[in-house]
Amino acid sequence: MNLVKRILITDDAVFMRFSLKAMLEKCGFQVVGEAENGAIAIEKYKVLKPDIVTLDITMPIMDGLEALKNIKAFDKNAKVIMISAMGQETIVREAIMLGAIGFVIKPFIQETITKAFSKL
């Protein structure tokens, strides 16, 4: 049985995906895919079946909340962590109500990522 958690990272900023991937891999996670918006994240989720998905809240084409709703409709057991900028607390609360299992506030550091993901 594979104990390494497989992760799909979703963020419209290449730099944020790169940073998050580096931090997660340093923690021993396997990044199996990346998506630049919610619509692509949904398609990749269905194909890759990751253990965890990160969703940025603010993205073009489809935002993180809409992607969260779609992923949870496809797989009610999906584990989704929202990534948000400061000042989006009401959106974070909404995301938790929609089924997100946690959130990380940008800008994040290695310690924050380690803490948020090690609980899973």
PDB file of N, CA and C in Angstrom:
ATOM      1  N   MET A   1       0.842  -1.197   0.000  1.00  0.00           N
ATOM      2  CA  MET A   1       0.000   0.000   0.000  1.00  0.00           C
ATOM      3  C   MET A   1       0.883   1.255   0.000  1.00  0.00           C
ATOM      4  N   ASN A   2       0.557   2.197  -0.859  1.00  0.00           N
ATOM      5  CA  ASN A   2       1.349   3.415  -0.985  1.00  0.00           C
ATOM      6  C   ASN A   2       0.933   4.432   0.076  1.00  0.00           C
ATOM      7  N   LEU A   3       1.860   4.779   0.967  1.00  0.00           N
ATOM      8  CA  LEU A   3       1.549   5.726   2.026  1.00  0.00           C
ATOM      9  C   LEU A   3       1.891   7.162   1.665  1.00  0.00           C
ATOM     10  N   VAL A   4       2.603   7.368   0.560  1.00  0.00           N
ATOM     11  CA  VAL A   4       2.942   8.725   0.129  1.00  0.00           C
ATOM     12  C   VAL A   4       1.684   9.371  -0.446  1.00  0.00           C
ATOM     13  N   LYS A   5       1.323  10.511   0.098  1.00  0.00           N
ATOM     14  CA  LYS A   5       0.135  11.218  -0.376  1.00  0.00           C
ATOM     15  C   LYS A   5       0.398  11.868  -1.728  1.00  0.00           C
ATOM     16  N   ARG A   6      -0.535  11.655  -2.654  1.00  0.00           N
ATOM     17  CA  ARG A   6      -0.454  12.189  -4.012  1.00  0.00           C
ATOM     18  C   ARG A   6      -1.286  13.473  -4.066  1.00  0.00           C
ATOM     19  N   ILE A   7      -0.676  14.541  -4.568  1.00  0.00           N
ATOM     20  CA  ILE A   7      -1.317  15.854  -4.522  1.00  0.00           C
ATOM     21  C   ILE A   7      -1.439  16.503  -5.898  1.00  0.00           C
ATOM     22  N   LEU A   8      -2.600  17.145  -6.111  1.00  0.00           N
ATOM     23  CA  LEU A   8      -2.853  17.964  -7.297  1.00  0.00           C
ATOM     24  C   LEU A   8      -2.871  19.413  -6.823  1.00  0.00           C
ATOM     25  N   ILE A   9      -2.004  20.237  -7.408  1.00  0.00           N
ATOM     26  CA  ILE A   9      -1.895  21.655  -7.031  1.00  0.00           C
ATOM     27  C   ILE A   9      -2.625  22.512  -8.066  1.00  0.00           C
ATOM     28  N   THR A  10      -3.489  23.406  -7.571  1.00  0.00           N
ATOM     29  CA  THR A  10      -4.223  24.294  -8.480  1.00  0.00           C
ATOM     30  C   THR A  10      -4.002  25.746  -8.085  1.00  0.00           C
ATOM     31  N   ASP A  11      -3.408  26.501  -8.988  1.00  0.00           N
ATOM     32  CA  ASP A  11      -3.188  27.934  -8.781  1.00  0.00           C
ATOM     33  C   ASP A  11      -2.909  28.550 -10.143  1.00  0.00           C
ATOM     34  N   ASP A  12      -3.434  29.739 -10.386  1.00  0.00           N
ATOM     35  CA  ASP A  12      -3.200  30.371 -11.686  1.00  0.00           C
ATOM     36  C   ASP A  12      -1.794  30.953 -11.808  1.00  0.00           C
ATOM     37  N   ALA A  13      -1.091  31.133 -10.688  1.00  0.00           N
ATOM     38  CA  ALA A  13       0.262  31.681 -10.722  1.00  0.00           C
ATOM     39  C   ALA A  13       1.298  30.559 -10.765  1.00  0.00           C
ATOM     40  N   VAL A  14       2.093  30.536 -11.822  1.00  0.00           N
ATOM     41  CA  VAL A  14       3.129  29.514 -11.983  1.00  0.00           C
ATOM     42  C   VAL A  14       4.069  29.508 -10.775  1.00  0.00           C
ATOM     43  N   PHE A  15       4.463  30.695 -10.313  1.00  0.00           N
ATOM     44  CA  PHE A  15       5.378  30.784  -9.179  1.00  0.00           C
ATOM     45  C   PHE A  15       4.780  30.128  -7.930  1.00  0.00           C
ATOM     46  N   MET A  16       3.485  30.329  -7.686  1.00  0.00           N
ATOM     47  CA  MET A  16       2.841  29.734  -6.504  1.00  0.00           C
ATOM     48  C   MET A  16       2.818  28.207  -6.626  1.00  0.00           C
ATOM     49  N   ARG A  17       2.516  27.712  -7.814  1.00  0.00           N
ATOM     50  CA  ARG A  17       2.529  26.247  -8.012  1.00  0.00           C
ATOM     51  C   ARG A  17       3.928  25.694  -7.772  1.00  0.00           C
ATOM     52  N   PHE A  18       4.927  26.384  -8.313  1.00  0.00           N
ATOM     53  CA  PHE A  18       6.319  25.960  -8.161  1.00  0.00           C
ATOM     54  C   PHE A  18       6.723  25.942  -6.682  1.00  0.00           C
ATOM     55  N   SER A  19       6.395  27.012  -5.955  1.00  0.00           N
ATOM     56  CA  SER A  19       6.745  27.118  -4.533  1.00  0.00           C
ATOM     57  C   SER A  19       6.064  26.037  -3.712  1.00  0.00           C
ATOM     58  N   LEU A  20       4.766  25.865  -3.940  1.00  0.00           N
ATOM     59  CA  LEU A  20       4.006  24.874  -3.189  1.00  0.00           C
ATOM     60  C   LEU A  20       4.512  23.460  -3.487  1.00  0.00           C
ATOM     61  N   LYS A  21       4.799  23.189  -4.744  1.00  0.00           N
ATOM     62  CA  LYS A  21       5.320  21.875  -5.131  1.00  0.00           C
ATOM     63  C   LYS A  21       6.640  21.591  -4.410  1.00  0.00           C
ATOM     64  N   ALA A  22       7.541  22.564  -4.413  1.00  0.00           N
ATOM     65  CA  ALA A  22       8.835  22.391  -3.754  1.00  0.00           C
ATOM     66  C   ALA A  22       8.658  22.110  -2.258  1.00  0.00           C
ATOM     67  N   MET A  23       7.769  22.851  -1.610  1.00  0.00           N
ATOM     68  CA  MET A  23       7.535  22.669  -0.170  1.00  0.00           C
ATOM     69  C   MET A  23       6.910  21.310   0.125  1.00  0.00           C
ATOM     70  N   LEU A  24       5.939  20.916  -0.683  1.00  0.00           N
ATOM     71  CA  LEU A  24       5.271  19.627  -0.461  1.00  0.00           C
ATOM     72  C   LEU A  24       6.219  18.459  -0.698  1.00  0.00           C
ATOM     73  N   GLU A  25       7.023  18.542  -1.741  1.00  0.00           N
ATOM     74  CA  GLU A  25       7.971  17.467  -2.023  1.00  0.00           C
ATOM     75  C   GLU A  25       9.017  17.373  -0.920  1.00  0.00           C
ATOM     76  N   LYS A  26       9.379  18.503  -0.344  1.00  0.00           N
ATOM     77  CA  LYS A  26      10.319  18.521   0.773  1.00  0.00           C
ATOM     78  C   LYS A  26       9.726  17.798   1.989  1.00  0.00           C
ATOM     79  N   CYS A  27       8.385  17.827   2.105  1.00  0.00           N
ATOM     80  CA  CYS A  27       7.682  17.146   3.205  1.00  0.00           C
ATOM     81  C   CYS A  27       7.434  15.668   2.891  1.00  0.00           C
ATOM     82  N   GLY A  28       7.824  15.229   1.697  1.00  0.00           N
ATOM     83  CA  GLY A  28       7.645  13.824   1.348  1.00  0.00           C
ATOM     84  C   GLY A  28       6.388  13.504   0.568  1.00  0.00           C
ATOM     85  N   PHE A  29       5.656  14.530   0.124  1.00  0.00           N
ATOM     86  CA  PHE A  29       4.460  14.308  -0.686  1.00  0.00           C
ATOM     87  C   PHE A  29       4.853  14.173  -2.153  1.00  0.00           C
ATOM     88  N   GLN A  30       3.993  13.537  -2.930  1.00  0.00           N
ATOM     89  CA  GLN A  30       4.226  13.401  -4.367  1.00  0.00           C
ATOM     90  C   GLN A  30       3.226  14.286  -5.111  1.00  0.00           C
ATOM     91  N   VAL A  31       3.724  15.263  -5.850  1.00  0.00           N
ATOM     92  CA  VAL A  31       2.850  16.126  -6.644  1.00  0.00           C
ATOM     93  C   VAL A  31       2.620  15.427  -7.976  1.00  0.00           C
ATOM     94  N   VAL A  32       1.374  14.978  -8.202  1.00  0.00           N
ATOM     95  CA  VAL A  32       1.051  14.196  -9.402  1.00  0.00           C
ATOM     96  C   VAL A  32       0.512  15.052 -10.542  1.00  0.00           C
ATOM     97  N   GLY A  33       0.170  16.320 -10.246  1.00  0.00           N
ATOM     98  CA  GLY A  33      -0.337  17.180 -11.302  1.00  0.00           C
ATOM     99  C   GLY A  33      -0.475  18.610 -10.852  1.00  0.00           C
ATOM    100  N   GLU A  34      -0.599  19.486 -11.845  1.00  0.00           N
ATOM    101  CA  GLU A  34      -0.805  20.909 -11.597  1.00  0.00           C
ATOM    102  C   GLU A  34      -1.893  21.411 -12.538  1.00  0.00           C
ATOM    103  N   ALA A  35      -2.661  22.384 -12.049  1.00  0.00           N
ATOM    104  CA  ALA A  35      -3.714  22.982 -12.870  1.00  0.00           C
ATOM    105  C   ALA A  35      -3.697  24.487 -12.655  1.00  0.00           C
ATOM    106  N   GLU A  36      -3.997  25.248 -13.743  1.00  0.00           N
ATOM    107  CA  GLU A  36      -3.964  26.702 -13.616  1.00  0.00           C
ATOM    108  C   GLU A  36      -5.338  27.326 -13.394  1.00  0.00           C
ATOM    109  N   ASN A  37      -6.381  26.517 -13.376  1.00  0.00           N
ATOM    110  CA  ASN A  37      -7.710  27.024 -13.015  1.00  0.00           C
ATOM    111  C   ASN A  37      -8.593  25.861 -12.562  1.00  0.00           C
ATOM    112  N   GLY A  38      -9.757  26.200 -12.024  1.00  0.00           N
ATOM    113  CA  GLY A  38     -10.639  25.189 -11.473  1.00  0.00           C
ATOM    114  C   GLY A  38     -11.155  24.178 -12.477  1.00  0.00           C
ATOM    115  N   ALA A  39     -11.423  24.628 -13.705  1.00  0.00           N
ATOM    116  CA  ALA A  39     -11.946  23.718 -14.732  1.00  0.00           C
ATOM    117  C   ALA A  39     -10.919  22.617 -15.049  1.00  0.00           C
ATOM    118  N   ILE A  40      -9.667  23.017 -15.175  1.00  0.00           N
ATOM    119  CA  ILE A  40      -8.610  22.040 -15.448  1.00  0.00           C
ATOM    120  C   ILE A  40      -8.412  21.126 -14.231  1.00  0.00           C
ATOM    121  N   ALA A  41      -8.525  21.699 -13.029  1.00  0.00           N
ATOM    122  CA  ALA A  41      -8.378  20.905 -11.806  1.00  0.00           C
ATOM    123  C   ALA A  41      -9.411  19.776 -11.744  1.00  0.00           C
ATOM    124  N   ILE A  42     -10.639  20.070 -12.124  1.00  0.00           N
ATOM    125  CA  ILE A  42     -11.699  19.051 -12.103  1.00  0.00           C
ATOM    126  C   ILE A  42     -11.351  17.913 -13.059  1.00  0.00           C
ATOM    127  N   GLU A  43     -10.945  18.266 -14.273  1.00  0.00           N
ATOM    128  CA  GLU A  43     -10.582  17.240 -15.260  1.00  0.00           C
ATOM    129  C   GLU A  43      -9.401  16.397 -14.775  1.00  0.00           C
ATOM    130  N   LYS A  44      -8.377  17.064 -14.233  1.00  0.00           N
ATOM    131  CA  LYS A  44      -7.197  16.335 -13.750  1.00  0.00           C
ATOM    132  C   LYS A  44      -7.543  15.483 -12.523  1.00  0.00           C
ATOM    133  N   TYR A  45      -8.454  15.974 -11.677  1.00  0.00           N
ATOM    134  CA  TYR A  45      -8.863  15.202 -10.501  1.00  0.00           C
ATOM    135  C   TYR A  45      -9.466  13.866 -10.939  1.00  0.00           C
ATOM    136  N   LYS A  46     -10.328  13.922 -11.942  1.00  0.00           N
ATOM    137  CA  LYS A  46     -11.004  12.711 -12.429  1.00  0.00           C
ATOM    138  C   LYS A  46     -10.024  11.700 -13.008  1.00  0.00           C
ATOM    139  N   VAL A  47      -8.963  12.176 -13.642  1.00  0.00           N
ATOM    140  CA  VAL A  47      -7.977  11.294 -14.267  1.00  0.00           C
ATOM    141  C   VAL A  47      -6.933  10.813 -13.257  1.00  0.00           C
ATOM    142  N   LEU A  48      -6.391  11.731 -12.468  1.00  0.00           N
ATOM    143  CA  LEU A  48      -5.271  11.419 -11.578  1.00  0.00           C
ATOM    144  C   LEU A  48      -5.693  10.810 -10.238  1.00  0.00           C
ATOM    145  N   LYS A  49      -6.929  11.101  -9.807  1.00  0.00           N
ATOM    146  CA  LYS A  49      -7.441  10.635  -8.517  1.00  0.00           C
ATOM    147  C   LYS A  49      -6.434  10.850  -7.377  1.00  0.00           C
ATOM    148  N   PRO A  50      -6.045  12.121  -7.159  1.00  0.00           N
ATOM    149  CA  PRO A  50      -5.070  12.419  -6.099  1.00  0.00           C
ATOM    150  C   PRO A  50      -5.677  12.227  -4.709  1.00  0.00           C
ATOM    151  N   ASP A  51      -4.823  12.096  -3.708  1.00  0.00           N
ATOM    152  CA  ASP A  51      -5.285  11.980  -2.323  1.00  0.00           C
ATOM    153  C   ASP A  51      -5.749  13.336  -1.800  1.00  0.00           C
ATOM    154  N   ILE A  52      -5.084  14.397  -2.269  1.00  0.00           N
ATOM    155  CA  ILE A  52      -5.368  15.751  -1.802  1.00  0.00           C
ATOM    156  C   ILE A  52      -5.309  16.713  -2.991  1.00  0.00           C
ATOM    157  N   VAL A  53      -6.196  17.710  -2.971  1.00  0.00           N
ATOM    158  CA  VAL A  53      -6.181  18.762  -3.993  1.00  0.00           C
ATOM    159  C   VAL A  53      -6.018  20.097  -3.282  1.00  0.00           C
ATOM    160  N   THR A  54      -5.162  20.953  -3.811  1.00  0.00           N
ATOM    161  CA  THR A  54      -5.113  22.329  -3.322  1.00  0.00           C
ATOM    162  C   THR A  54      -5.814  23.188  -4.365  1.00  0.00           C
ATOM    163  N   LEU A  55      -6.643  24.103  -3.890  1.00  0.00           N
ATOM    164  CA  LEU A  55      -7.357  25.004  -4.791  1.00  0.00           C
ATOM    165  C   LEU A  55      -7.142  26.436  -4.351  1.00  0.00           C
ATOM    166  N   ASP A  56      -6.577  27.239  -5.230  1.00  0.00           N
ATOM    167  CA  ASP A  56      -6.510  28.674  -4.993  1.00  0.00           C
ATOM    168  C   ASP A  56      -7.949  29.173  -5.103  1.00  0.00           C
ATOM    169  N   ILE A  57      -8.305  30.175  -4.339  1.00  0.00           N
ATOM    170  CA  ILE A  57      -9.682  30.668  -4.394  1.00  0.00           C
ATOM    171  C   ILE A  57      -9.905  31.545  -5.622  1.00  0.00           C
ATOM    172  N   THR A  58      -9.008  32.480  -5.874  1.00  0.00           N
ATOM    173  CA  THR A  58      -9.192  33.430  -6.970  1.00  0.00           C
ATOM    174  C   THR A  58      -8.402  32.988  -8.199  1.00  0.00           C
ATOM    175  N   MET A  59      -9.126  32.546  -9.231  1.00  0.00           N
ATOM    176  CA  MET A  59      -8.508  32.111 -10.489  1.00  0.00           C
ATOM    177  C   MET A  59      -9.429  32.471 -11.647  1.00  0.00           C
ATOM    178  N   PRO A  60      -8.852  32.648 -12.840  1.00  0.00           N
ATOM    179  CA  PRO A  60      -9.699  32.900 -14.018  1.00  0.00           C
ATOM    180  C   PRO A  60     -10.419  31.628 -14.467  1.00  0.00           C
ATOM    181  N   ILE A  61     -11.381  31.763 -15.327  1.00  0.00           N
ATOM    182  CA  ILE A  61     -12.182  30.691 -15.928  1.00  0.00           C
ATOM    183  C   ILE A  61     -13.090  30.034 -14.893  1.00  0.00           C
ATOM    184  N   MET A  62     -12.517  29.406 -13.857  1.00  0.00           N
ATOM    185  CA  MET A  62     -13.327  28.849 -12.771  1.00  0.00           C
ATOM    186  C   MET A  62     -12.559  29.007 -11.464  1.00  0.00           C
ATOM    187  N   ASP A  63     -13.196  29.659 -10.471  1.00  0.00           N
ATOM    188  CA  ASP A  63     -12.515  29.888  -9.197  1.00  0.00           C
ATOM    189  C   ASP A  63     -12.510  28.624  -8.331  1.00  0.00           C
ATOM    190  N   GLY A  64     -11.814  28.725  -7.220  1.00  0.00           N
ATOM    191  CA  GLY A  64     -11.649  27.585  -6.330  1.00  0.00           C
ATOM    192  C   GLY A  64     -12.942  27.084  -5.700  1.00  0.00           C
ATOM    193  N   LEU A  65     -13.852  27.983  -5.360  1.00  0.00           N
ATOM    194  CA  LEU A  65     -15.117  27.553  -4.744  1.00  0.00           C
ATOM    195  C   LEU A  65     -15.955  26.733  -5.723  1.00  0.00           C
ATOM    196  N   GLU A  66     -16.026  27.195  -6.964  1.00  0.00           N
ATOM    197  CA  GLU A  66     -16.795  26.467  -7.984  1.00  0.00           C
ATOM    198  C   GLU A  66     -16.147  25.101  -8.251  1.00  0.00           C
ATOM    199  N   ALA A  67     -14.823  25.076  -8.311  1.00  0.00           N
ATOM    200  CA  ALA A  67     -14.111  23.815  -8.518  1.00  0.00           C
ATOM    201  C   ALA A  67     -14.338  22.872  -7.340  1.00  0.00           C
ATOM    202  N   LEU A  68     -14.330  23.421  -6.129  1.00  0.00           N
ATOM    203  CA  LEU A  68     -14.585  22.618  -4.925  1.00  0.00           C
ATOM    204  C   LEU A  68     -15.960  21.954  -5.009  1.00  0.00           C
ATOM    205  N   LYS A  69     -16.980  22.731  -5.367  1.00  0.00           N
ATOM    206  CA  LYS A  69     -18.337  22.173  -5.500  1.00  0.00           C
ATOM    207  C   LYS A  69     -18.366  21.023  -6.504  1.00  0.00           C
ATOM    208  N   ASN A  70     -17.710  21.220  -7.639  1.00  0.00           N
ATOM    209  CA  ASN A  70     -17.692  20.197  -8.687  1.00  0.00           C
ATOM    210  C   ASN A  70     -16.921  18.948  -8.280  1.00  0.00           C
ATOM    211  N   ILE A  71     -15.777  19.140  -7.642  1.00  0.00           N
ATOM    212  CA  ILE A  71     -14.970  17.988  -7.203  1.00  0.00           C
ATOM    213  C   ILE A  71     -15.725  17.199  -6.137  1.00  0.00           C
ATOM    214  N   LYS A  72     -16.357  17.888  -5.185  1.00  0.00           N
ATOM    215  CA  LYS A  72     -17.119  17.200  -4.133  1.00  0.00           C
ATOM    216  C   LYS A  72     -18.355  16.499  -4.711  1.00  0.00           C
ATOM    217  N   ALA A  73     -18.936  17.061  -5.770  1.00  0.00           N
ATOM    218  CA  ALA A  73     -20.083  16.408  -6.426  1.00  0.00           C
ATOM    219  C   ALA A  73     -19.623  15.125  -7.112  1.00  0.00           C
ATOM    220  N   PHE A  74     -18.418  15.140  -7.665  1.00  0.00           N
ATOM    221  CA  PHE A  74     -17.848  13.969  -8.332  1.00  0.00           C
ATOM    222  C   PHE A  74     -17.400  12.928  -7.315  1.00  0.00           C
ATOM    223  N   ASP A  75     -16.785  13.382  -6.209  1.00  0.00           N
ATOM    224  CA  ASP A  75     -16.257  12.493  -5.182  1.00  0.00           C
ATOM    225  C   ASP A  75     -16.476  13.136  -3.818  1.00  0.00           C
ATOM    226  N   LYS A  76     -17.503  12.686  -3.111  1.00  0.00           N
ATOM    227  CA  LYS A  76     -17.836  13.303  -1.826  1.00  0.00           C
ATOM    228  C   LYS A  76     -16.727  13.137  -0.783  1.00  0.00           C
ATOM    229  N   ASN A  77     -15.821  12.192  -0.996  1.00  0.00           N
ATOM    230  CA  ASN A  77     -14.713  11.967  -0.061  1.00  0.00           C
ATOM    231  C   ASN A  77     -13.434  12.714  -0.434  1.00  0.00           C
ATOM    232  N   ALA A  78     -13.499  13.554  -1.457  1.00  0.00           N
ATOM    233  CA  ALA A  78     -12.317  14.301  -1.891  1.00  0.00           C
ATOM    234  C   ALA A  78     -11.776  15.154  -0.753  1.00  0.00           C
ATOM    235  N   LYS A  79     -10.470  15.167  -0.615  1.00  0.00           N
ATOM    236  CA  LYS A  79      -9.806  15.995   0.400  1.00  0.00           C
ATOM    237  C   LYS A  79      -9.247  17.224  -0.311  1.00  0.00           C
ATOM    238  N   VAL A  80      -9.823  18.382   0.031  1.00  0.00           N
ATOM    239  CA  VAL A  80      -9.454  19.630  -0.631  1.00  0.00           C
ATOM    240  C   VAL A  80      -8.983  20.647   0.398  1.00  0.00           C
ATOM    241  N   ILE A  81      -7.825  21.241   0.109  1.00  0.00           N
ATOM    242  CA  ILE A  81      -7.298  22.326   0.938  1.00  0.00           C
ATOM    243  C   ILE A  81      -7.336  23.592   0.097  1.00  0.00           C
ATOM    244  N   MET A  82      -7.968  24.619   0.642  1.00  0.00           N
ATOM    245  CA  MET A  82      -8.070  25.893  -0.055  1.00  0.00           C
ATOM    246  C   MET A  82      -6.834  26.737   0.245  1.00  0.00           C
ATOM    247  N   ILE A  83      -6.388  27.458  -0.762  1.00  0.00           N
ATOM    248  CA  ILE A  83      -5.267  28.387  -0.606  1.00  0.00           C
ATOM    249  C   ILE A  83      -5.849  29.775  -0.855  1.00  0.00           C
ATOM    250  N   SER A  84      -5.693  30.678   0.114  1.00  0.00           N
ATOM    251  CA  SER A  84      -6.298  31.994  -0.075  1.00  0.00           C
ATOM    252  C   SER A  84      -5.357  33.108   0.363  1.00  0.00           C
ATOM    253  N   ALA A  85      -5.592  34.266  -0.197  1.00  0.00           N
ATOM    254  CA  ALA A  85      -4.843  35.453   0.205  1.00  0.00           C
ATOM    255  C   ALA A  85      -5.456  36.005   1.481  1.00  0.00           C
ATOM    256  N   MET A  86      -4.713  36.840   2.158  1.00  0.00           N
ATOM    257  CA  MET A  86      -5.222  37.498   3.365  1.00  0.00           C
ATOM    258  C   MET A  86      -6.524  38.229   3.047  1.00  0.00           C
ATOM    259  N   GLY A  87      -7.413  38.301   4.023  1.00  0.00           N
ATOM    260  CA  GLY A  87      -8.625  39.080   3.847  1.00  0.00           C
ATOM    261  C   GLY A  87      -9.759  38.345   3.157  1.00  0.00           C
ATOM    262  N   GLN A  88      -9.625  37.038   2.979  1.00  0.00           N
ATOM    263  CA  GLN A  88     -10.692  36.267   2.333  1.00  0.00           C
ATOM    264  C   GLN A  88     -11.369  35.317   3.327  1.00  0.00           C
ATOM    265  N   GLU A  89     -11.434  35.726   4.595  1.00  0.00           N
ATOM    266  CA  GLU A  89     -11.951  34.847   5.649  1.00  0.00           C
ATOM    267  C   GLU A  89     -13.369  34.354   5.386  1.00  0.00           C
ATOM    268  N   THR A  90     -14.248  35.232   4.864  1.00  0.00           N
ATOM    269  CA  THR A  90     -15.624  34.805   4.621  1.00  0.00           C
ATOM    270  C   THR A  90     -15.667  33.722   3.543  1.00  0.00           C
ATOM    271  N   ILE A  91     -14.797  33.857   2.542  1.00  0.00           N
ATOM    272  CA  ILE A  91     -14.743  32.846   1.486  1.00  0.00           C
ATOM    273  C   ILE A  91     -14.195  31.536   2.037  1.00  0.00           C
ATOM    274  N   VAL A  92     -13.216  31.632   2.935  1.00  0.00           N
ATOM    275  CA  VAL A  92     -12.651  30.430   3.557  1.00  0.00           C
ATOM    276  C   VAL A  92     -13.736  29.699   4.348  1.00  0.00           C
ATOM    277  N   ARG A  93     -14.543  30.450   5.106  1.00  0.00           N
ATOM    278  CA  ARG A  93     -15.647  29.825   5.863  1.00  0.00           C
ATOM    279  C   ARG A  93     -16.612  29.121   4.914  1.00  0.00           C
ATOM    280  N   GLU A  94     -16.927  29.768   3.805  1.00  0.00           N
ATOM    281  CA  GLU A  94     -17.822  29.166   2.818  1.00  0.00           C
ATOM    282  C   GLU A  94     -17.218  27.876   2.263  1.00  0.00           C
ATOM    283  N   ALA A  95     -15.919  27.897   2.000  1.00  0.00           N
ATOM    284  CA  ALA A  95     -15.224  26.723   1.473  1.00  0.00           C
ATOM    285  C   ALA A  95     -15.298  25.552   2.462  1.00  0.00           C
ATOM    286  N   ILE A  96     -15.128  25.844   3.744  1.00  0.00           N
ATOM    287  CA  ILE A  96     -15.208  24.795   4.767  1.00  0.00           C
ATOM    288  C   ILE A  96     -16.632  24.217   4.787  1.00  0.00           C
ATOM    289  N   MET A  97     -17.636  25.080   4.679  1.00  0.00           N
ATOM    290  CA  MET A  97     -19.022  24.622   4.654  1.00  0.00           C
ATOM    291  C   MET A  97     -19.298  23.764   3.418  1.00  0.00           C
ATOM    292  N   LEU A  98     -18.589  24.042   2.315  1.00  0.00           N
ATOM    293  CA  LEU A  98     -18.762  23.271   1.084  1.00  0.00           C
ATOM    294  C   LEU A  98     -17.978  21.953   1.093  1.00  0.00           C
ATOM    295  N   GLY A  99     -17.157  21.759   2.129  1.00  0.00           N
ATOM    296  CA  GLY A  99     -16.455  20.491   2.239  1.00  0.00           C
ATOM    297  C   GLY A  99     -14.943  20.521   2.222  1.00  0.00           C
ATOM    298  N   ALA A 100     -14.338  21.703   2.139  1.00  0.00           N
ATOM    299  CA  ALA A 100     -12.872  21.769   2.206  1.00  0.00           C
ATOM    300  C   ALA A 100     -12.432  21.307   3.599  1.00  0.00           C
ATOM    301  N   ILE A 101     -11.301  20.607   3.656  1.00  0.00           N
ATOM    302  CA  ILE A 101     -10.847  20.085   4.945  1.00  0.00           C
ATOM    303  C   ILE A 101      -9.840  20.996   5.634  1.00  0.00           C
ATOM    304  N   GLY A 102      -9.452  22.070   4.954  1.00  0.00           N
ATOM    305  CA  GLY A 102      -8.516  22.998   5.565  1.00  0.00           C
ATOM    306  C   GLY A 102      -8.193  24.128   4.619  1.00  0.00           C
ATOM    307  N   PHE A 103      -7.376  25.054   5.110  1.00  0.00           N
ATOM    308  CA  PHE A 103      -6.969  26.164   4.261  1.00  0.00           C
ATOM    309  C   PHE A 103      -5.608  26.674   4.701  1.00  0.00           C
ATOM    310  N   VAL A 104      -4.925  27.274   3.756  1.00  0.00           N
ATOM    311  CA  VAL A 104      -3.619  27.876   3.983  1.00  0.00           C
ATOM    312  C   VAL A 104      -3.701  29.300   3.455  1.00  0.00           C
ATOM    313  N   ILE A 105      -3.216  30.246   4.248  1.00  0.00           N
ATOM    314  CA  ILE A 105      -3.238  31.649   3.854  1.00  0.00           C
ATOM    315  C   ILE A 105      -1.927  32.018   3.154  1.00  0.00           C
ATOM    316  N   LYS A 106      -2.043  32.697   2.002  1.00  0.00           N
ATOM    317  CA  LYS A 106      -0.860  33.222   1.306  1.00  0.00           C
ATOM    318  C   LYS A 106      -0.461  34.534   1.956  1.00  0.00           C
ATOM    319  N   PRO A 107       0.797  34.886   1.959  1.00  0.00           N
ATOM    320  CA  PRO A 107       1.917  34.061   1.510  1.00  0.00           C
ATOM    321  C   PRO A 107       2.241  33.006   2.559  1.00  0.00           C
ATOM    322  N   PHE A 108       2.523  31.793   2.124  1.00  0.00           N
ATOM    323  CA  PHE A 108       2.796  30.717   3.070  1.00  0.00           C
ATOM    324  C   PHE A 108       4.289  30.425   3.140  1.00  0.00           C
ATOM    325  N   ILE A 109       4.671  29.772   4.222  1.00  0.00           N
ATOM    326  CA  ILE A 109       6.069  29.364   4.408  1.00  0.00           C
ATOM    327  C   ILE A 109       6.092  27.852   4.626  1.00  0.00           C
ATOM    328  N   GLN A 110       7.267  27.270   4.556  1.00  0.00           N
ATOM    329  CA  GLN A 110       7.418  25.818   4.694  1.00  0.00           C
ATOM    330  C   GLN A 110       6.719  25.285   5.950  1.00  0.00           C
ATOM    331  N   GLU A 111       6.895  25.963   7.073  1.00  0.00           N
ATOM    332  CA  GLU A 111       6.323  25.504   8.338  1.00  0.00           C
ATOM    333  C   GLU A 111       4.789  25.425   8.270  1.00  0.00           C
ATOM    334  N   THR A 112       4.176  26.421   7.649  1.00  0.00           N
ATOM    335  CA  THR A 112       2.711  26.450   7.507  1.00  0.00           C
ATOM    336  C   THR A 112       2.236  25.276   6.665  1.00  0.00           C
ATOM    337  N   ILE A 113       2.926  25.015   5.567  1.00  0.00           N
ATOM    338  CA  ILE A 113       2.562  23.919   4.685  1.00  0.00           C
ATOM    339  C   ILE A 113       2.737  22.579   5.384  1.00  0.00           C
ATOM    340  N   THR A 114       3.866  22.413   6.070  1.00  0.00           N
ATOM    341  CA  THR A 114       4.135  21.174   6.791  1.00  0.00           C
ATOM    342  C   THR A 114       3.031  20.909   7.814  1.00  0.00           C
ATOM    343  N   LYS A 115       2.655  21.949   8.572  1.00  0.00           N
ATOM    344  CA  LYS A 115       1.629  21.809   9.607  1.00  0.00           C
ATOM    345  C   LYS A 115       0.260  21.459   9.000  1.00  0.00           C
ATOM    346  N   ALA A 116      -0.126  22.166   7.960  1.00  0.00           N
ATOM    347  CA  ALA A 116      -1.441  21.970   7.353  1.00  0.00           C
ATOM    348  C   ALA A 116      -1.571  20.574   6.727  1.00  0.00           C
ATOM    349  N   PHE A 117      -0.542  20.094   6.065  1.00  0.00           N
ATOM    350  CA  PHE A 117      -0.626  18.828   5.346  1.00  0.00           C
ATOM    351  C   PHE A 117      -0.309  17.625   6.217  1.00  0.00           C
ATOM    352  N   SER A 118       0.475  17.802   7.275  1.00  0.00           N
ATOM    353  CA  SER A 118       0.825  16.650   8.108  1.00  0.00           C
ATOM    354  C   SER A 118      -0.362  16.162   8.928  1.00  0.00           C
ATOM    355  N   LYS A 119      -1.382  17.024   9.095  1.00  0.00           N
ATOM    356  CA  LYS A 119      -2.584  16.626   9.833  1.00  0.00           C
ATOM    357  C   LYS A 119      -3.451  15.651   9.044  1.00  0.00           C
ATOM    358  N   LEU A 120      -3.185  15.530   7.743  1.00  0.00           N
ATOM    359  CA  LEU A 120      -4.057  14.708   6.908  1.00  0.00           C
ATOM    360  C   LEU A 120      -3.642  13.262   6.982  1.00  0.00           C
TER     361      LEU A 120
END
